[in-house]
N, C-alpha and C. Protein backbone atom coordinates (compact mmCIF):
# COMPACT_ATOMS: atom_id res chain seq x y z
N MET A 1 -75.41 -56.51 122.07
CA MET A 1 -75.28 -57.32 120.86
C MET A 1 -74.36 -56.63 119.85
N LYS A 2 -74.46 -55.28 119.76
CA LYS A 2 -73.59 -54.55 118.84
C LYS A 2 -72.13 -54.70 119.24
N ILE A 3 -71.86 -54.74 120.54
CA ILE A 3 -70.49 -54.89 121.00
C ILE A 3 -69.93 -56.24 120.57
N ILE A 4 -70.73 -57.28 120.69
CA ILE A 4 -70.28 -58.61 120.30
C ILE A 4 -70.02 -58.66 118.80
N LYS A 5 -70.93 -58.09 117.99
CA LYS A 5 -70.73 -58.05 116.55
C LYS A 5 -69.46 -57.30 116.20
N SER A 6 -69.25 -56.17 116.85
CA SER A 6 -68.06 -55.36 116.60
C SER A 6 -66.80 -56.15 116.94
N PHE A 7 -66.82 -56.85 118.06
CA PHE A 7 -65.67 -57.65 118.48
C PHE A 7 -65.38 -58.75 117.47
N VAL A 8 -66.42 -59.45 117.03
CA VAL A 8 -66.25 -60.54 116.06
C VAL A 8 -65.68 -60.00 114.75
N VAL A 9 -66.20 -58.88 114.28
CA VAL A 9 -65.71 -58.29 113.03
C VAL A 9 -64.26 -57.86 113.19
N THR A 10 -63.94 -57.23 114.31
CA THR A 10 -62.57 -56.80 114.58
C THR A 10 -61.63 -57.99 114.65
N LEU A 11 -62.04 -59.03 115.33
CA LEU A 11 -61.23 -60.24 115.45
C LEU A 11 -61.00 -60.87 114.08
N ALA A 12 -62.05 -60.96 113.30
CA ALA A 12 -61.94 -61.55 111.96
C ALA A 12 -61.00 -60.73 111.08
N MET A 13 -61.11 -59.41 111.12
CA MET A 13 -60.26 -58.55 110.31
C MET A 13 -58.80 -58.68 110.76
N GLY A 14 -58.57 -58.73 112.06
CA GLY A 14 -57.21 -58.88 112.56
C GLY A 14 -56.60 -60.20 112.13
N THR A 15 -57.40 -61.24 112.14
CA THR A 15 -56.92 -62.55 111.71
C THR A 15 -56.57 -62.52 110.23
N LEU A 16 -57.44 -61.93 109.42
CA LEU A 16 -57.18 -61.86 107.99
C LEU A 16 -55.94 -61.05 107.68
N ILE A 17 -55.80 -59.93 108.34
CA ILE A 17 -54.64 -59.08 108.10
C ILE A 17 -53.38 -59.76 108.60
N GLY A 18 -53.43 -60.33 109.79
CA GLY A 18 -52.26 -60.96 110.38
C GLY A 18 -51.78 -62.18 109.63
N THR A 19 -52.69 -62.96 109.09
CA THR A 19 -52.27 -64.20 108.45
C THR A 19 -52.01 -64.04 106.96
N SER A 20 -52.42 -62.92 106.40
CA SER A 20 -52.21 -62.79 104.96
C SER A 20 -51.14 -61.78 104.61
N SER A 21 -50.51 -61.17 105.61
CA SER A 21 -49.49 -60.19 105.30
C SER A 21 -48.26 -60.89 104.75
N CYS A 22 -47.66 -60.29 103.75
CA CYS A 22 -46.46 -60.83 103.15
C CYS A 22 -45.40 -59.75 103.20
N THR A 23 -44.18 -60.15 103.38
CA THR A 23 -43.10 -59.18 103.35
C THR A 23 -42.05 -59.65 102.38
N LYS A 24 -41.38 -58.70 101.81
CA LYS A 24 -40.26 -59.00 100.93
C LYS A 24 -39.22 -57.95 101.22
N ASN A 25 -38.04 -58.39 101.59
CA ASN A 25 -36.97 -57.48 101.96
C ASN A 25 -37.39 -56.55 103.09
N GLY A 26 -38.20 -57.07 104.01
CA GLY A 26 -38.62 -56.31 105.17
C GLY A 26 -39.76 -55.34 104.91
N LYS A 27 -40.28 -55.31 103.70
CA LYS A 27 -41.37 -54.40 103.37
C LYS A 27 -42.60 -55.19 102.98
N SER A 28 -43.75 -54.62 103.24
CA SER A 28 -44.99 -55.29 102.92
C SER A 28 -45.10 -55.52 101.42
N ASP A 29 -45.44 -56.71 101.03
CA ASP A 29 -45.60 -57.07 99.63
C ASP A 29 -46.79 -58.01 99.49
N PRO A 30 -48.02 -57.46 99.44
CA PRO A 30 -49.21 -58.31 99.39
C PRO A 30 -49.30 -59.18 98.14
N GLU A 31 -48.55 -58.87 97.09
CA GLU A 31 -48.61 -59.68 95.88
C GLU A 31 -47.57 -60.80 95.88
N ALA A 32 -46.69 -60.82 96.88
CA ALA A 32 -45.61 -61.81 96.89
C ALA A 32 -46.13 -63.23 96.85
N SER A 33 -47.14 -63.55 97.66
CA SER A 33 -47.63 -64.92 97.69
C SER A 33 -48.39 -65.27 96.42
N ALA A 34 -48.97 -64.28 95.74
CA ALA A 34 -49.71 -64.55 94.52
C ALA A 34 -48.77 -64.76 93.33
N ASN A 35 -47.63 -64.06 93.34
CA ASN A 35 -46.72 -64.11 92.21
C ASN A 35 -45.59 -65.11 92.36
N GLU A 36 -45.24 -65.45 93.58
CA GLU A 36 -44.11 -66.33 93.82
C GLU A 36 -44.55 -67.51 94.68
N PRO A 37 -44.31 -68.72 94.22
CA PRO A 37 -44.61 -69.83 95.12
C PRO A 37 -43.60 -69.84 96.27
N ALA A 38 -44.10 -69.92 97.47
CA ALA A 38 -43.23 -69.89 98.64
C ALA A 38 -42.76 -71.30 98.99
N LEU A 39 -41.51 -71.38 99.46
CA LEU A 39 -41.02 -72.64 100.00
C LEU A 39 -41.79 -72.91 101.28
N THR A 40 -42.28 -74.10 101.45
CA THR A 40 -43.12 -74.46 102.59
C THR A 40 -42.32 -74.44 103.88
N TYR A 41 -42.93 -73.91 104.92
CA TYR A 41 -42.31 -73.83 106.25
C TYR A 41 -42.21 -75.23 106.84
N PRO A 42 -41.00 -75.70 107.16
CA PRO A 42 -40.82 -77.09 107.58
C PRO A 42 -40.99 -77.38 109.07
N LEU A 43 -41.13 -76.33 109.89
CA LEU A 43 -41.16 -76.53 111.34
C LEU A 43 -42.58 -76.53 111.89
N ASP A 44 -42.75 -77.09 113.09
CA ASP A 44 -44.05 -77.02 113.76
C ASP A 44 -43.97 -76.07 114.96
N VAL A 45 -42.88 -75.27 115.00
CA VAL A 45 -42.69 -74.27 116.05
C VAL A 45 -42.41 -72.91 115.42
N CYS A 46 -42.61 -71.87 116.21
CA CYS A 46 -42.34 -70.49 115.79
C CYS A 46 -40.84 -70.32 115.57
N LEU A 47 -40.46 -69.68 114.49
CA LEU A 47 -39.06 -69.47 114.17
C LEU A 47 -38.38 -68.56 115.19
N VAL A 48 -39.12 -67.65 115.79
CA VAL A 48 -38.54 -66.69 116.73
C VAL A 48 -38.55 -67.22 118.17
N SER A 49 -39.70 -67.64 118.65
CA SER A 49 -39.83 -68.01 120.07
C SER A 49 -39.60 -69.49 120.35
N GLY A 50 -39.78 -70.32 119.33
CA GLY A 50 -39.68 -71.76 119.54
C GLY A 50 -40.96 -72.38 120.08
N GLU A 51 -42.00 -71.57 120.27
CA GLU A 51 -43.28 -72.07 120.78
C GLU A 51 -43.98 -72.89 119.70
N LYS A 52 -44.74 -73.89 120.14
CA LYS A 52 -45.52 -74.73 119.23
C LYS A 52 -46.52 -73.87 118.47
N LEU A 53 -46.57 -74.01 117.14
CA LEU A 53 -47.52 -73.26 116.33
C LEU A 53 -48.94 -73.73 116.64
N GLY A 54 -49.84 -72.79 116.79
CA GLY A 54 -51.23 -73.09 117.10
C GLY A 54 -51.53 -73.03 118.58
N GLY A 55 -50.50 -72.98 119.42
CA GLY A 55 -50.69 -72.92 120.86
C GLY A 55 -51.25 -71.59 121.34
N MET A 56 -51.09 -70.56 120.52
CA MET A 56 -51.57 -69.22 120.88
C MET A 56 -52.62 -68.74 119.87
N GLY A 57 -53.28 -69.67 119.24
CA GLY A 57 -54.24 -69.31 118.20
C GLY A 57 -53.64 -69.59 116.83
N GLU A 58 -54.29 -69.10 115.82
CA GLU A 58 -53.84 -69.31 114.44
C GLU A 58 -52.46 -68.68 114.24
N PRO A 59 -51.51 -69.44 113.68
CA PRO A 59 -50.17 -68.89 113.45
C PRO A 59 -50.21 -67.72 112.46
N VAL A 60 -49.27 -66.79 112.62
CA VAL A 60 -49.10 -65.68 111.69
C VAL A 60 -48.18 -66.16 110.59
N ARG A 61 -48.58 -65.95 109.34
CA ARG A 61 -47.82 -66.45 108.19
C ARG A 61 -47.41 -65.28 107.32
N ILE A 62 -46.13 -65.26 106.92
CA ILE A 62 -45.65 -64.28 105.96
C ILE A 62 -44.83 -65.01 104.91
N VAL A 63 -44.56 -64.33 103.81
CA VAL A 63 -43.63 -64.83 102.81
C VAL A 63 -42.48 -63.82 102.78
N TYR A 64 -41.29 -64.30 103.04
CA TYR A 64 -40.11 -63.45 103.07
C TYR A 64 -39.11 -64.00 102.07
N GLU A 65 -38.78 -63.20 101.07
CA GLU A 65 -37.85 -63.62 100.01
C GLU A 65 -38.21 -64.99 99.44
N GLY A 66 -39.49 -65.19 99.20
CA GLY A 66 -39.96 -66.43 98.59
C GLY A 66 -40.06 -67.62 99.53
N ARG A 67 -39.92 -67.36 100.83
CA ARG A 67 -39.99 -68.44 101.81
C ARG A 67 -41.13 -68.19 102.78
N GLU A 68 -41.91 -69.21 103.02
CA GLU A 68 -42.97 -69.11 104.01
C GLU A 68 -42.34 -69.13 105.40
N ILE A 69 -42.77 -68.20 106.24
CA ILE A 69 -42.31 -68.13 107.62
C ILE A 69 -43.56 -68.08 108.49
N LYS A 70 -43.55 -68.84 109.60
CA LYS A 70 -44.69 -68.84 110.51
C LYS A 70 -44.24 -68.45 111.91
N PHE A 71 -45.11 -67.68 112.57
CA PHE A 71 -44.86 -67.24 113.93
C PHE A 71 -46.03 -67.66 114.81
N CYS A 72 -45.76 -67.83 116.10
CA CYS A 72 -46.81 -68.22 117.03
C CYS A 72 -47.78 -67.07 117.29
N CYS A 73 -47.32 -65.83 117.13
CA CYS A 73 -48.17 -64.65 117.39
C CYS A 73 -47.64 -63.46 116.60
N ASP A 74 -48.40 -62.39 116.58
CA ASP A 74 -47.98 -61.21 115.81
C ASP A 74 -46.83 -60.44 116.46
N MET A 75 -46.48 -60.75 117.69
CA MET A 75 -45.37 -60.07 118.35
C MET A 75 -44.02 -60.58 117.86
N CYS A 76 -43.98 -61.76 117.28
CA CYS A 76 -42.71 -62.33 116.81
C CYS A 76 -42.29 -61.78 115.44
N GLN A 77 -43.23 -61.35 114.64
CA GLN A 77 -42.89 -60.87 113.31
C GLN A 77 -41.93 -59.66 113.34
N PRO A 78 -42.17 -58.64 114.17
CA PRO A 78 -41.22 -57.52 114.20
C PRO A 78 -39.82 -57.94 114.66
N LYS A 79 -39.73 -58.90 115.55
CA LYS A 79 -38.43 -59.41 115.99
C LYS A 79 -37.71 -60.05 114.81
N PHE A 80 -38.43 -60.82 114.03
CA PHE A 80 -37.86 -61.46 112.84
C PHE A 80 -37.37 -60.39 111.87
N GLU A 81 -38.19 -59.37 111.64
CA GLU A 81 -37.86 -58.34 110.65
C GLU A 81 -36.65 -57.50 111.05
N LYS A 82 -36.32 -57.45 112.35
CA LYS A 82 -35.13 -56.72 112.80
C LYS A 82 -33.84 -57.48 112.46
N SER A 83 -33.90 -58.79 112.48
CA SER A 83 -32.71 -59.63 112.20
C SER A 83 -33.09 -60.87 111.40
N PRO A 84 -33.61 -60.69 110.20
CA PRO A 84 -34.07 -61.87 109.45
C PRO A 84 -32.96 -62.88 109.17
N GLU A 85 -31.74 -62.40 108.94
CA GLU A 85 -30.65 -63.33 108.63
C GLU A 85 -30.39 -64.28 109.78
N LYS A 86 -30.53 -63.79 111.01
CA LYS A 86 -30.33 -64.63 112.20
C LYS A 86 -31.34 -65.79 112.21
N TYR A 87 -32.60 -65.46 111.95
CA TYR A 87 -33.65 -66.47 112.00
C TYR A 87 -33.64 -67.37 110.76
N LEU A 88 -33.27 -66.81 109.61
CA LEU A 88 -33.18 -67.64 108.40
C LEU A 88 -32.06 -68.66 108.54
N ALA A 89 -30.96 -68.27 109.18
CA ALA A 89 -29.87 -69.22 109.42
C ALA A 89 -30.35 -70.35 110.32
N LYS A 90 -31.16 -70.01 111.30
CA LYS A 90 -31.74 -71.01 112.20
C LYS A 90 -32.64 -71.96 111.40
N LEU A 91 -33.42 -71.39 110.49
CA LEU A 91 -34.31 -72.20 109.66
C LEU A 91 -33.50 -73.07 108.70
N ASP A 92 -32.47 -72.51 108.09
CA ASP A 92 -31.63 -73.28 107.18
C ASP A 92 -30.96 -74.45 107.89
N GLY A 93 -30.57 -74.23 109.14
CA GLY A 93 -29.96 -75.30 109.92
C GLY A 93 -30.92 -76.42 110.22
N SER A 94 -32.20 -76.10 110.33
CA SER A 94 -33.19 -77.11 110.65
C SER A 94 -33.62 -77.91 109.43
N THR A 95 -33.42 -77.35 108.23
CA THR A 95 -33.87 -78.02 107.01
C THR A 95 -32.74 -78.70 106.26
N GLY A 96 -31.52 -78.50 106.75
CA GLY A 96 -30.39 -79.13 106.08
C GLY A 96 -29.93 -78.44 104.84
N GLU A 97 -30.37 -77.18 104.59
CA GLU A 97 -29.96 -76.44 103.40
C GLU A 97 -28.55 -75.91 103.54
């Protein structure tokens, strides 16, 4: 029973950390979402992989330079952070900006 409780707590903490992390200029900024309203993410797919959001569990959400970005999993966020301009251009093309 202790193992199950530990797993549930670990899973819950991972979900909270993964979905509430915010980045600004590639660095963690936990106050970004509280201080800046983010532009809403317009896609129903991951910006990096193109996978349908929610297909691999709860999407990972960050705020990058005032823009909400969503990923299908936590493995896509580091890829985005290596080349954010590449993925932002992809996002801009999809929104008509």
